[in-house]
Protein backbone atom coordinates (compact mmCIF):
# COMPACT_ATOMS: atom_id res chain seq x y z
CA MET A 1 -100.37 105.14 -121.87
CA THR A 2 -96.70 104.37 -121.99
CA GLY A 3 -93.56 106.47 -122.17
CA ALA A 4 -93.25 110.18 -121.50
CA ASN A 5 -96.11 111.65 -123.49
CA ALA A 6 -96.93 115.09 -124.80
CA LEU A 7 -100.66 114.86 -125.46
CA ASN A 8 -103.03 117.39 -126.97
CA HIS A 9 -106.66 117.90 -125.88
CA VAL A 10 -107.14 114.67 -123.91
CA ILE A 11 -110.78 113.58 -123.47
CA PHE A 12 -111.70 110.50 -121.45
CA ARG A 13 -115.10 109.05 -122.35
CA GLY A 14 -116.81 105.69 -122.33
CA ALA A 15 -116.89 103.08 -119.59
CA GLY A 16 -113.76 101.38 -118.33
CA THR A 17 -110.74 102.23 -116.24
CA LYS A 18 -108.02 104.41 -117.77
CA SER A 19 -104.50 104.70 -116.37
CA PHE A 20 -101.33 106.66 -117.03
CA GLY A 21 -99.28 104.19 -114.96
CA ALA A 22 -95.93 105.52 -113.74
CA ASN A 23 -95.21 107.60 -116.83
CA ALA A 24 -95.07 111.39 -116.76
CA ALA A 25 -97.37 113.15 -119.22
CA SER A 26 -98.23 116.65 -120.35
CA THR A 27 -101.30 117.88 -122.16
CA THR A 28 -103.11 121.01 -123.19
CA ASN A 29 -106.82 120.54 -122.38
CA PHE A 30 -107.73 117.67 -120.04
CA THR A 31 -111.36 116.45 -119.81
CA ILE A 32 -112.97 113.55 -117.96
CA GLU A 33 -116.59 113.13 -119.03
CA SER A 34 -119.38 111.80 -116.82
CA GLY A 35 -119.64 108.01 -117.02
CA SER A 36 -116.13 107.60 -118.38
CA GLY A 37 -114.91 105.28 -115.63
CA THR A 38 -112.06 105.97 -113.23
CA VAL A 39 -108.99 107.76 -114.60
CA THR A 40 -105.82 106.94 -112.64
CA LEU A 41 -103.25 109.74 -112.76
CA PRO A 42 -99.51 109.10 -113.22
CA SER A 43 -97.45 108.18 -110.17
CA THR A 44 -94.94 110.82 -111.35
CA ASN A 45 -96.09 114.12 -112.93
CA LEU A 46 -99.00 115.32 -115.05
CA THR A 47 -98.72 118.84 -116.49
CA ILE A 48 -101.90 120.48 -117.79
CA ALA A 49 -101.21 123.59 -119.87
CA GLY A 50 -104.80 124.22 -120.95
CA ASN A 51 -108.27 123.88 -119.47
CA TYR A 52 -109.26 121.20 -116.95
CA SER A 53 -112.75 119.73 -116.67
CA ASN A 54 -113.69 116.70 -114.54
CA SER A 55 -117.23 115.33 -114.43
CA GLY A 56 -116.04 111.81 -113.64
CA THR A 57 -113.77 110.03 -111.16
CA ILE A 58 -110.04 110.57 -110.65
CA ALA A 59 -107.74 108.26 -108.71
CA ASN A 60 -104.58 109.79 -107.28
CA ASN A 61 -101.59 107.57 -107.91
CA GLY A 62 -99.18 109.45 -105.62
CA GLY A 63 -97.97 111.82 -108.34
CA THR A 64 -98.21 115.59 -108.76
CA VAL A 65 -100.48 117.56 -111.09
CA TYR A 66 -99.11 120.87 -112.36
CA PHE A 67 -101.27 123.56 -113.95
CA SER A 68 -99.07 125.60 -116.24
CA THR A 69 -99.92 128.16 -118.89
CA THR A 70 -98.13 130.78 -120.93
CA SER A 71 -98.96 134.33 -119.96
CA PRO A 72 -101.36 135.98 -120.66
CA ALA A 73 -103.41 132.82 -121.34
CA THR A 74 -106.10 131.90 -118.82
CA GLN A 75 -106.90 128.38 -117.65
CA THR A 76 -110.42 127.27 -116.80
CA LEU A 77 -110.67 124.70 -113.99
CA ALA A 78 -114.04 122.98 -113.53
CA GLY A 79 -115.41 119.98 -111.70
CA THR A 80 -113.83 117.76 -109.08
CA MET A 81 -110.17 118.45 -108.41
């Protein structure tokens, strides 16, 4: 993924490594499915404004993950953080 991205309902599936690189990104729902390969987070910021589900592998790239939602919405966090 390149550039500063506003993504909607991101789902990682299928074998192979996925990477955000150095670019900041924001998304609503964020899902990593089992068997999807390693997902490398941005080295800057990732903002998740919806639900988070991780059944796969995440690689920290030195960045920060923010969980942000608009009140009174509720976020569901599941799986490996």
